[in-house]
């Protein structure tokens, strides 16, 4: 069975591991607690369960 625990264990050779984890969702009150934000909800659960802190960066903007 697949487990996220293996991804959040610190390696012995480094104090910090970096991963790119993407959780897609829609911004706005209309989408809170809907299937449209399942990616956001999963990231919240990972953060709580594994005591992981996520950093958010806006890389580019579409106009």
PDB file of N, CA and C in Angstrom:
ATOM      1  N   UNK A   1       0.839  -1.183   0.000  1.00  0.00           N
ATOM      2  CA  UNK A   1       0.000   0.000   0.000  1.00  0.00           C
ATOM      3  C   UNK A   1       0.885   1.248   0.000  1.00  0.00           C
ATOM      4  N   UNK A   2       0.457   2.255  -0.697  1.00  0.00           N
ATOM      5  CA  UNK A   2       1.192   3.517  -0.794  1.00  0.00           C
ATOM      6  C   UNK A   2       1.063   4.309   0.502  1.00  0.00           C
ATOM      7  N   UNK A   3       2.158   4.890   0.942  1.00  0.00           N
ATOM      8  CA  UNK A   3       2.141   5.700   2.162  1.00  0.00           C
ATOM      9  C   UNK A   3       2.943   6.973   1.948  1.00  0.00           C
ATOM     10  N   UNK A   4       2.384   8.087   2.390  1.00  0.00           N
ATOM     11  CA  UNK A   4       3.101   9.360   2.292  1.00  0.00           C
ATOM     12  C   UNK A   4       4.219   9.468   3.315  1.00  0.00           C
ATOM     13  N   UNK A   5       4.188   8.634   4.330  1.00  0.00           N
ATOM     14  CA  UNK A   5       5.190   8.712   5.393  1.00  0.00           C
ATOM     15  C   UNK A   5       6.602   8.626   4.834  1.00  0.00           C
ATOM     16  N   UNK A   6       6.817   7.785   3.848  1.00  0.00           N
ATOM     17  CA  UNK A   6       8.154   7.619   3.278  1.00  0.00           C
ATOM     18  C   UNK A   6       8.684   8.910   2.660  1.00  0.00           C
ATOM     19  N   UNK A   7       7.807   9.763   2.181  1.00  0.00           N
ATOM     20  CA  UNK A   7       8.239  10.999   1.544  1.00  0.00           C
ATOM     21  C   UNK A   7       8.598  12.091   2.542  1.00  0.00           C
ATOM     22  N   UNK A   8       8.117  11.994   3.760  1.00  0.00           N
ATOM     23  CA  UNK A   8       8.347  13.044   4.735  1.00  0.00           C
ATOM     24  C   UNK A   8       9.387  12.676   5.786  1.00  0.00           C
ATOM     25  N   UNK A   9      10.037  11.544   5.632  1.00  0.00           N
ATOM     26  CA  UNK A   9      11.135  11.184   6.526  1.00  0.00           C
ATOM     27  C   UNK A   9      12.371  11.964   6.110  1.00  0.00           C
ATOM     28  N   UNK A  10      13.085  12.466   7.083  1.00  0.00           N
ATOM     29  CA  UNK A  10      14.323  13.188   6.783  1.00  0.00           C
ATOM     30  C   UNK A  10      15.431  12.187   6.471  1.00  0.00           C
ATOM     31  N   UNK A  11      16.198  12.486   5.441  1.00  0.00           N
ATOM     32  CA  UNK A  11      17.306  11.604   5.106  1.00  0.00           C
ATOM     33  C   UNK A  11      18.462  11.856   6.058  1.00  0.00           C
ATOM     34  N   UNK A  12      19.304  10.863   6.226  1.00  0.00           N
ATOM     35  CA  UNK A  12      20.439  10.989   7.137  1.00  0.00           C
ATOM     36  C   UNK A  12      21.512  11.913   6.576  1.00  0.00           C
ATOM     37  N   UNK A  13      21.560  12.064   5.264  1.00  0.00           N
ATOM     38  CA  UNK A  13      22.607  12.877   4.655  1.00  0.00           C
ATOM     39  C   UNK A  13      22.259  14.362   4.596  1.00  0.00           C
ATOM     40  N   UNK A  14      21.018  14.707   4.888  1.00  0.00           N
ATOM     41  CA  UNK A  14      20.604  16.095   4.777  1.00  0.00           C
ATOM     42  C   UNK A  14      19.588  16.431   5.851  1.00  0.00           C
ATOM     43  N   UNK A  15      19.654  17.660   6.346  1.00  0.00           N
ATOM     44  CA  UNK A  15      18.687  18.106   7.342  1.00  0.00           C
ATOM     45  C   UNK A  15      17.372  18.529   6.708  1.00  0.00           C
ATOM     46  N   UNK A  16      17.379  18.785   5.406  1.00  0.00           N
ATOM     47  CA  UNK A  16      16.173  19.281   4.760  1.00  0.00           C
ATOM     48  C   UNK A  16      15.958  18.566   3.428  1.00  0.00           C
ATOM     49  N   UNK A  17      14.754  18.101   3.244  1.00  0.00           N
ATOM     50  CA  UNK A  17      14.351  17.538   1.959  1.00  0.00           C
ATOM     51  C   UNK A  17      13.348  18.494   1.345  1.00  0.00           C
ATOM     52  N   UNK A  18      13.432  18.689   0.039  1.00  0.00           N
ATOM     53  CA  UNK A  18      12.488  19.569  -0.644  1.00  0.00           C
ATOM     54  C   UNK A  18      11.679  18.756  -1.638  1.00  0.00           C
ATOM     55  N   UNK A  19      10.394  19.040  -1.660  1.00  0.00           N
ATOM     56  CA  UNK A  19       9.484  18.368  -2.570  1.00  0.00           C
ATOM     57  C   UNK A  19       8.566  19.405  -3.188  1.00  0.00           C
ATOM     58  N   UNK A  20       8.116  19.137  -4.374  1.00  0.00           N
ATOM     59  CA  UNK A  20       7.091  19.958  -5.001  1.00  0.00           C
ATOM     60  C   UNK A  20       5.779  19.201  -4.875  1.00  0.00           C
ATOM     61  N   UNK A  21       4.872  19.756  -4.107  1.00  0.00           N
ATOM     62  CA  UNK A  21       3.551  19.158  -3.926  1.00  0.00           C
ATOM     63  C   UNK A  21       2.541  20.190  -4.380  1.00  0.00           C
ATOM     64  N   UNK A  22       1.685  19.804  -5.292  1.00  0.00           N
ATOM     65  CA  UNK A  22       0.719  20.733  -5.862  1.00  0.00           C
ATOM     66  C   UNK A  22      -0.687  20.294  -5.481  1.00  0.00           C
ATOM     67  N   UNK A  23      -1.458  21.231  -4.954  1.00  0.00           N
ATOM     68  CA  UNK A  23      -2.858  20.971  -4.644  1.00  0.00           C
ATOM     69  C   UNK A  23      -3.713  21.975  -5.387  1.00  0.00           C
ATOM     70  N   UNK A  24      -4.426  21.504  -6.371  1.00  0.00           N
ATOM     71  CA  UNK A  24      -5.235  22.409  -7.182  1.00  0.00           C
ATOM     72  C   UNK A  24      -6.592  22.664  -6.538  1.00  0.00           C
ATOM     73  N   UNK A  25      -7.090  23.856  -6.753  1.00  0.00           N
ATOM     74  CA  UNK A  25      -8.399  24.215  -6.229  1.00  0.00           C
ATOM     75  C   UNK A  25      -8.831  25.543  -6.802  1.00  0.00           C
ATOM     76  N   UNK A  26     -10.043  25.912  -6.499  1.00  0.00           N
ATOM     77  CA  UNK A  26     -10.591  27.186  -6.956  1.00  0.00           C
ATOM     78  C   UNK A  26     -10.660  28.159  -5.792  1.00  0.00           C
ATOM     79  N   UNK A  27     -10.313  29.389  -6.056  1.00  0.00           N
ATOM     80  CA  UNK A  27     -10.333  30.428  -5.037  1.00  0.00           C
ATOM     81  C   UNK A  27     -11.734  31.016  -4.963  1.00  0.00           C
ATOM     82  N   UNK A  28     -12.189  31.272  -3.767  1.00  0.00           N
ATOM     83  CA  UNK A  28     -13.474  31.942  -3.599  1.00  0.00           C
ATOM     84  C   UNK A  28     -14.408  31.204  -2.672  1.00  0.00           C
ATOM     85  N   UNK A  29     -15.281  31.952  -2.057  1.00  0.00           N
ATOM     86  CA  UNK A  29     -16.219  31.416  -1.069  1.00  0.00           C
ATOM     87  C   UNK A  29     -17.179  30.398  -1.687  1.00  0.00           C
ATOM     88  N   UNK A  30     -17.464  30.526  -2.974  1.00  0.00           N
ATOM     89  CA  UNK A  30     -18.389  29.599  -3.636  1.00  0.00           C
ATOM     90  C   UNK A  30     -17.860  28.168  -3.691  1.00  0.00           C
ATOM     91  N   UNK A  31     -16.547  27.995  -3.551  1.00  0.00           N
ATOM     92  CA  UNK A  31     -15.947  26.681  -3.720  1.00  0.00           C
ATOM     93  C   UNK A  31     -15.470  26.050  -2.419  1.00  0.00           C
ATOM     94  N   UNK A  32     -15.644  26.722  -1.296  1.00  0.00           N
ATOM     95  CA  UNK A  32     -15.207  26.180  -0.009  1.00  0.00           C
ATOM     96  C   UNK A  32     -15.967  24.892   0.272  1.00  0.00           C
ATOM     97  N   UNK A  33     -15.227  23.850   0.678  1.00  0.00           N
ATOM     98  CA  UNK A  33     -15.786  22.541   1.028  1.00  0.00           C
ATOM     99  C   UNK A  33     -16.550  21.893  -0.136  1.00  0.00           C
ATOM    100  N   UNK A  34     -16.063  22.076  -1.353  1.00  0.00           N
ATOM    101  CA  UNK A  34     -16.647  21.403  -2.516  1.00  0.00           C
ATOM    102  C   UNK A  34     -15.573  20.543  -3.173  1.00  0.00           C
ATOM    103  N   UNK A  35     -16.001  19.702  -4.095  1.00  0.00           N
ATOM    104  CA  UNK A  35     -15.051  18.841  -4.806  1.00  0.00           C
ATOM    105  C   UNK A  35     -14.047  19.654  -5.614  1.00  0.00           C
ATOM    106  N   UNK A  36     -14.370  20.902  -5.873  1.00  0.00           N
ATOM    107  CA  UNK A  36     -13.482  21.763  -6.652  1.00  0.00           C
ATOM    108  C   UNK A  36     -12.219  22.134  -5.876  1.00  0.00           C
ATOM    109  N   UNK A  37     -12.218  21.923  -4.581  1.00  0.00           N
ATOM    110  CA  UNK A  37     -11.063  22.261  -3.750  1.00  0.00           C
ATOM    111  C   UNK A  37     -10.448  21.045  -3.075  1.00  0.00           C
ATOM    112  N   UNK A  38     -10.627  19.875  -3.641  1.00  0.00           N
ATOM    113  CA  UNK A  38     -10.092  18.666  -3.018  1.00  0.00           C
ATOM    114  C   UNK A  38      -8.567  18.740  -2.889  1.00  0.00           C
ATOM    115  N   UNK A  39      -7.898  19.379  -3.833  1.00  0.00           N
ATOM    116  CA  UNK A  39      -6.440  19.524  -3.746  1.00  0.00           C
ATOM    117  C   UNK A  39      -6.022  20.338  -2.539  1.00  0.00           C
ATOM    118  N   UNK A  40      -6.742  21.425  -2.259  1.00  0.00           N
ATOM    119  CA  UNK A  40      -6.453  22.240  -1.080  1.00  0.00           C
ATOM    120  C   UNK A  40      -6.705  21.443   0.192  1.00  0.00           C
ATOM    121  N   UNK A  41      -7.794  20.674   0.216  1.00  0.00           N
ATOM    122  CA  UNK A  41      -8.152  19.889   1.399  1.00  0.00           C
ATOM    123  C   UNK A  41      -7.098  18.819   1.689  1.00  0.00           C
ATOM    124  N   UNK A  42      -6.598  18.178   0.649  1.00  0.00           N
ATOM    125  CA  UNK A  42      -5.570  17.152   0.830  1.00  0.00           C
ATOM    126  C   UNK A  42      -4.293  17.769   1.383  1.00  0.00           C
ATOM    127  N   UNK A  43      -3.901  18.933   0.886  1.00  0.00           N
ATOM    128  CA  UNK A  43      -2.711  19.601   1.416  1.00  0.00           C
ATOM    129  C   UNK A  43      -2.888  19.966   2.883  1.00  0.00           C
ATOM    130  N   UNK A  44      -4.075  20.406   3.261  1.00  0.00           N
ATOM    131  CA  UNK A  44      -4.342  20.708   4.671  1.00  0.00           C
ATOM    132  C   UNK A  44      -4.178  19.464   5.538  1.00  0.00           C
ATOM    133  N   UNK A  45      -4.671  18.324   5.066  1.00  0.00           N
ATOM    134  CA  UNK A  45      -4.558  17.082   5.830  1.00  0.00           C
ATOM    135  C   UNK A  45      -3.106  16.624   5.945  1.00  0.00           C
ATOM    136  N   UNK A  46      -2.356  16.716   4.859  1.00  0.00           N
ATOM    137  CA  UNK A  46      -0.935  16.352   4.901  1.00  0.00           C
ATOM    138  C   UNK A  46      -0.209  17.231   5.901  1.00  0.00           C
ATOM    139  N   UNK A  47      -0.498  18.514   5.870  1.00  0.00           N
ATOM    140  CA  UNK A  47       0.140  19.459   6.782  1.00  0.00           C
ATOM    141  C   UNK A  47      -0.141  19.101   8.237  1.00  0.00           C
ATOM    142  N   UNK A  48      -1.382  18.777   8.544  1.00  0.00           N
ATOM    143  CA  UNK A  48      -1.752  18.416   9.915  1.00  0.00           C
ATOM    144  C   UNK A  48      -1.162  17.074  10.333  1.00  0.00           C
ATOM    145  N   UNK A  49      -1.307  16.064   9.496  1.00  0.00           N
ATOM    146  CA  UNK A  49      -0.895  14.707   9.855  1.00  0.00           C
ATOM    147  C   UNK A  49       0.610  14.535   9.978  1.00  0.00           C
ATOM    148  N   UNK A  50       1.368  15.216   9.151  1.00  0.00           N
ATOM    149  CA  UNK A  50       2.814  15.019   9.115  1.00  0.00           C
ATOM    150  C   UNK A  50       3.595  16.222   9.621  1.00  0.00           C
ATOM    151  N   UNK A  51       2.894  17.198  10.169  1.00  0.00           N
ATOM    152  CA  UNK A  51       3.520  18.416  10.688  1.00  0.00           C
ATOM    153  C   UNK A  51       4.457  19.027   9.652  1.00  0.00           C
ATOM    154  N   UNK A  52       3.941  19.183   8.453  1.00  0.00           N
ATOM    155  CA  UNK A  52       4.689  19.736   7.328  1.00  0.00           C
ATOM    156  C   UNK A  52       4.232  21.167   7.108  1.00  0.00           C
ATOM    157  N   UNK A  53       5.183  22.046   6.884  1.00  0.00           N
ATOM    158  CA  UNK A  53       4.858  23.437   6.584  1.00  0.00           C
ATOM    159  C   UNK A  53       5.011  23.652   5.085  1.00  0.00           C
ATOM    160  N   UNK A  54       3.959  24.175   4.462  1.00  0.00           N
ATOM    161  CA  UNK A  54       4.006  24.449   3.032  1.00  0.00           C
ATOM    162  C   UNK A  54       4.304  25.917   2.796  1.00  0.00           C
ATOM    163  N   UNK A  55       5.055  26.162   1.742  1.00  0.00           N
ATOM    164  CA  UNK A  55       5.381  27.520   1.337  1.00  0.00           C
ATOM    165  C   UNK A  55       4.703  27.778   0.000  1.00  0.00           C
ATOM    166  N   UNK A  56       4.072  28.915  -0.118  1.00  0.00           N
ATOM    167  CA  UNK A  56       3.368  29.256  -1.346  1.00  0.00           C
ATOM    168  C   UNK A  56       4.096  30.392  -2.053  1.00  0.00           C
ATOM    169  N   UNK A  57       4.319  30.201  -3.339  1.00  0.00           N
ATOM    170  CA  UNK A  57       4.958  31.248  -4.140  1.00  0.00           C
ATOM    171  C   UNK A  57       4.191  31.414  -5.434  1.00  0.00           C
ATOM    172  N   UNK A  58       4.003  32.642  -5.814  1.00  0.00           N
ATOM    173  CA  UNK A  58       3.392  32.915  -7.114  1.00  0.00           C
ATOM    174  C   UNK A  58       4.535  33.129  -8.094  1.00  0.00           C
ATOM    175  N   UNK A  59       4.649  32.240  -9.055  1.00  0.00           N
ATOM    176  CA  UNK A  59       5.757  32.282  -9.995  1.00  0.00           C
ATOM    177  C   UNK A  59       5.442  33.184 -11.179  1.00  0.00           C
ATOM    178  N   UNK A  60       4.236  33.118 -11.669  1.00  0.00           N
ATOM    179  CA  UNK A  60       3.844  33.954 -12.797  1.00  0.00           C
ATOM    180  C   UNK A  60       2.364  34.268 -12.681  1.00  0.00           C
ATOM    181  N   UNK A  61       1.965  35.204 -13.472  1.00  0.00           N
ATOM    182  CA  UNK A  61       0.572  35.634 -13.442  1.00  0.00           C
ATOM    183  C   UNK A  61       0.044  35.722 -14.863  1.00  0.00           C
ATOM    184  N   UNK A  62      -1.117  35.174 -15.071  1.00  0.00           N
ATOM    185  CA  UNK A  62      -1.766  35.221 -16.377  1.00  0.00           C
ATOM    186  C   UNK A  62      -2.688  36.423 -16.421  1.00  0.00           C
ATOM    187  N   UNK A  63      -2.537  37.266 -17.427  1.00  0.00           N
ATOM    188  CA  UNK A  63      -3.391  38.461 -17.561  1.00  0.00           C
ATOM    189  C   UNK A  63      -4.334  38.329 -18.717  1.00  0.00           C
TER     190      UNK A  63
END
